[in-house]
């Protein structure tokens, strides 16, 4: 009576493959970290000014503005923390007229706390209905 070696080989190969597959599942998954990209960010522009101490750590991923029913401008900015630790910054808004001239209307600096690799939203509302343009300012907390 001969034992057939070729019929044992597929069973051994299947068992070895299953062990290899299961061994790969035993590793701990790494936490998700957002990819660094500048595709959807606004750096220092006429609508955003970030001080030197903060510009490497904070970016703006969105600026939105609209006119309210009473004619005043509302501005919303999404500030993203690129660091691996919590950041404390301050944000303010300077409102300007249609030609870009400062209306001498600046909001008070407001504290903004941004968790690591997270985004915080800040809101500003003009008091003067002549406000048509703006610059968001971001600086290191004082």
Protein backbone atom coordinates (compact mmCIF):
# COMPACT_ATOMS: atom_id res chain seq x y z
CA UNK A 1 0.00 0.00 0.00
CA UNK A 2 1.45 3.33 -1.07
CA UNK A 3 0.71 6.60 0.68
CA UNK A 4 0.06 9.40 -1.70
CA UNK A 5 2.28 12.36 -0.80
CA UNK A 6 0.71 14.75 -3.31
CA UNK A 7 -2.68 14.62 -1.52
CA UNK A 8 -1.09 15.68 1.83
CA UNK A 9 0.76 18.64 0.30
CA UNK A 10 -2.38 20.83 -0.36
CA UNK A 11 -3.57 20.32 3.22
CA UNK A 12 -0.20 21.37 4.65
CA UNK A 13 0.00 24.39 2.34
CA UNK A 14 -3.54 25.48 3.26
CA UNK A 15 -2.78 25.20 6.99
CA UNK A 16 0.46 27.20 6.60
CA UNK A 17 -1.37 29.88 4.60
CA UNK A 18 -4.12 30.16 7.22
CA UNK A 19 -1.55 30.57 9.99
CA UNK A 20 0.28 33.27 8.07
CA UNK A 21 -2.97 35.11 7.41
CA UNK A 22 -4.06 34.97 11.04
CA UNK A 23 -0.63 36.06 12.27
CA UNK A 24 -0.94 39.26 10.23
CA UNK A 25 -4.24 40.10 11.95
CA UNK A 26 -2.68 40.05 15.40
CA UNK A 27 -0.85 43.37 14.97
CA UNK A 28 -2.21 46.49 16.66
CA UNK A 29 -3.57 49.10 14.19
CA UNK A 30 -1.95 52.55 14.34
CA UNK A 31 -4.13 55.59 15.05
CA UNK A 32 -5.24 57.64 12.07
CA UNK A 33 -3.31 60.86 11.52
CA UNK A 34 -4.49 63.30 8.84
CA UNK A 35 -2.12 63.68 5.93
CA UNK A 36 -0.26 66.95 5.67
CA UNK A 37 -1.54 68.73 2.61
CA UNK A 38 -1.68 72.33 1.51
CA UNK A 39 -4.20 71.64 -1.23
CA UNK A 40 -7.12 72.83 0.89
CA UNK A 41 -5.42 75.41 3.11
CA UNK A 42 -5.05 79.15 3.05
CA UNK A 43 -1.71 80.52 4.15
CA UNK A 44 -0.90 84.18 4.73
CA UNK A 45 -3.07 86.00 2.19
CA UNK A 46 -5.05 89.21 2.15
CA UNK A 47 -7.78 87.37 4.09
CA UNK A 48 -5.55 85.56 6.59
CA UNK A 49 -2.51 86.71 8.58
CA UNK A 50 -0.72 84.29 10.92
CA UNK A 51 2.21 85.43 13.08
CA UNK A 52 5.65 83.84 12.69
CA UNK A 53 5.49 81.96 15.99
CA UNK A 54 2.28 80.21 14.94
CA UNK A 55 2.41 79.86 11.15
CA UNK A 56 4.15 76.46 11.18
CA UNK A 57 1.54 75.02 13.56
CA UNK A 58 -1.77 76.53 12.42
CA UNK A 59 -3.36 76.62 9.01
CA UNK A 60 -6.77 77.74 7.81
CA UNK A 61 -8.77 75.05 6.03
CA UNK A 62 -11.75 77.24 5.23
CA UNK A 63 -12.96 80.84 5.26
CA UNK A 64 -16.64 81.56 4.80
CA UNK A 65 -18.43 84.89 4.75
CA UNK A 66 -22.01 85.98 4.28
CA UNK A 67 -24.21 89.01 4.72
CA UNK A 68 -26.75 88.81 7.50
CA UNK A 69 -30.32 90.07 7.09
CA UNK A 70 -29.35 93.36 8.76
CA UNK A 71 -26.54 93.94 6.21
CA UNK A 72 -23.66 93.09 8.53
CA UNK A 73 -20.98 90.61 7.48
CA UNK A 74 -20.42 87.34 9.32
CA UNK A 75 -17.09 85.51 8.89
CA UNK A 76 -16.31 81.91 9.89
CA UNK A 77 -12.78 80.46 9.84
CA UNK A 78 -11.68 76.85 10.36
CA UNK A 79 -8.26 76.77 12.02
CA UNK A 80 -6.35 73.48 11.96
CA UNK A 81 -3.63 72.43 14.39
CA UNK A 82 -0.81 70.61 12.59
CA UNK A 83 1.01 69.76 15.82
CA UNK A 84 0.86 66.61 17.94
CA UNK A 85 -0.09 68.58 21.04
CA UNK A 86 -2.86 70.97 22.01
CA UNK A 87 -2.40 74.58 20.86
CA UNK A 88 -3.57 77.79 22.47
CA UNK A 89 -3.85 80.68 20.00
CA UNK A 90 -5.81 83.90 19.65
CA UNK A 91 -7.83 85.06 16.66
CA UNK A 92 -9.23 88.43 15.64
CA UNK A 93 -10.87 89.93 12.56
CA UNK A 94 -10.26 93.31 10.90
CA UNK A 95 -13.19 94.43 8.77
CA UNK A 96 -12.66 96.61 5.69
CA UNK A 97 -14.82 98.44 3.18
CA UNK A 98 -15.30 97.42 -0.46
CA UNK A 99 -11.99 98.99 -1.54
CA UNK A 100 -10.06 97.23 1.24
CA UNK A 101 -9.66 100.26 3.49
CA UNK A 102 -9.67 99.43 7.19
CA UNK A 103 -12.91 100.66 8.78
CA UNK A 104 -11.13 100.83 12.15
CA UNK A 105 -13.31 97.93 13.18
CA UNK A 106 -11.37 95.11 14.79
CA UNK A 107 -12.83 92.38 16.92
CA UNK A 108 -11.28 91.62 20.29
CA UNK A 109 -8.69 88.83 20.34
CA UNK A 110 -10.50 85.65 21.31
CA UNK A 111 -8.79 82.58 22.74
CA UNK A 112 -8.91 79.47 20.56
CA UNK A 113 -7.95 76.07 21.92
CA UNK A 114 -7.21 73.46 19.24
CA UNK A 115 -6.62 69.80 20.10
CA UNK A 116 -3.79 67.91 18.40
CA UNK A 117 -4.40 67.37 14.67
CA UNK A 118 -7.86 68.91 15.05
CA UNK A 119 -9.79 71.87 13.66
CA UNK A 120 -11.51 74.66 15.60
CA UNK A 121 -14.07 77.08 14.19
CA UNK A 122 -14.13 80.79 15.03
CA UNK A 123 -16.93 83.24 14.21
CA UNK A 124 -16.77 87.01 13.75
CA UNK A 125 -19.56 89.51 13.04
CA UNK A 126 -19.04 93.07 11.84
CA UNK A 127 -20.85 95.91 13.57
CA UNK A 128 -20.69 98.16 10.51
CA UNK A 129 -22.86 97.29 7.47
CA UNK A 130 -20.19 98.91 5.22
CA UNK A 131 -17.88 95.94 5.90
CA UNK A 132 -17.34 93.99 2.69
CA UNK A 133 -13.81 92.59 3.13
CA UNK A 134 -11.83 91.28 6.08
CA UNK A 135 -8.57 89.84 7.36
CA UNK A 136 -8.49 87.10 10.01
CA UNK A 137 -5.45 87.43 12.28
CA UNK A 138 -4.04 84.49 14.29
CA UNK A 139 -1.29 84.78 16.87
CA UNK A 140 0.27 82.78 19.66
CA UNK A 141 -1.76 83.05 22.89
CA UNK A 142 -0.53 85.68 25.34
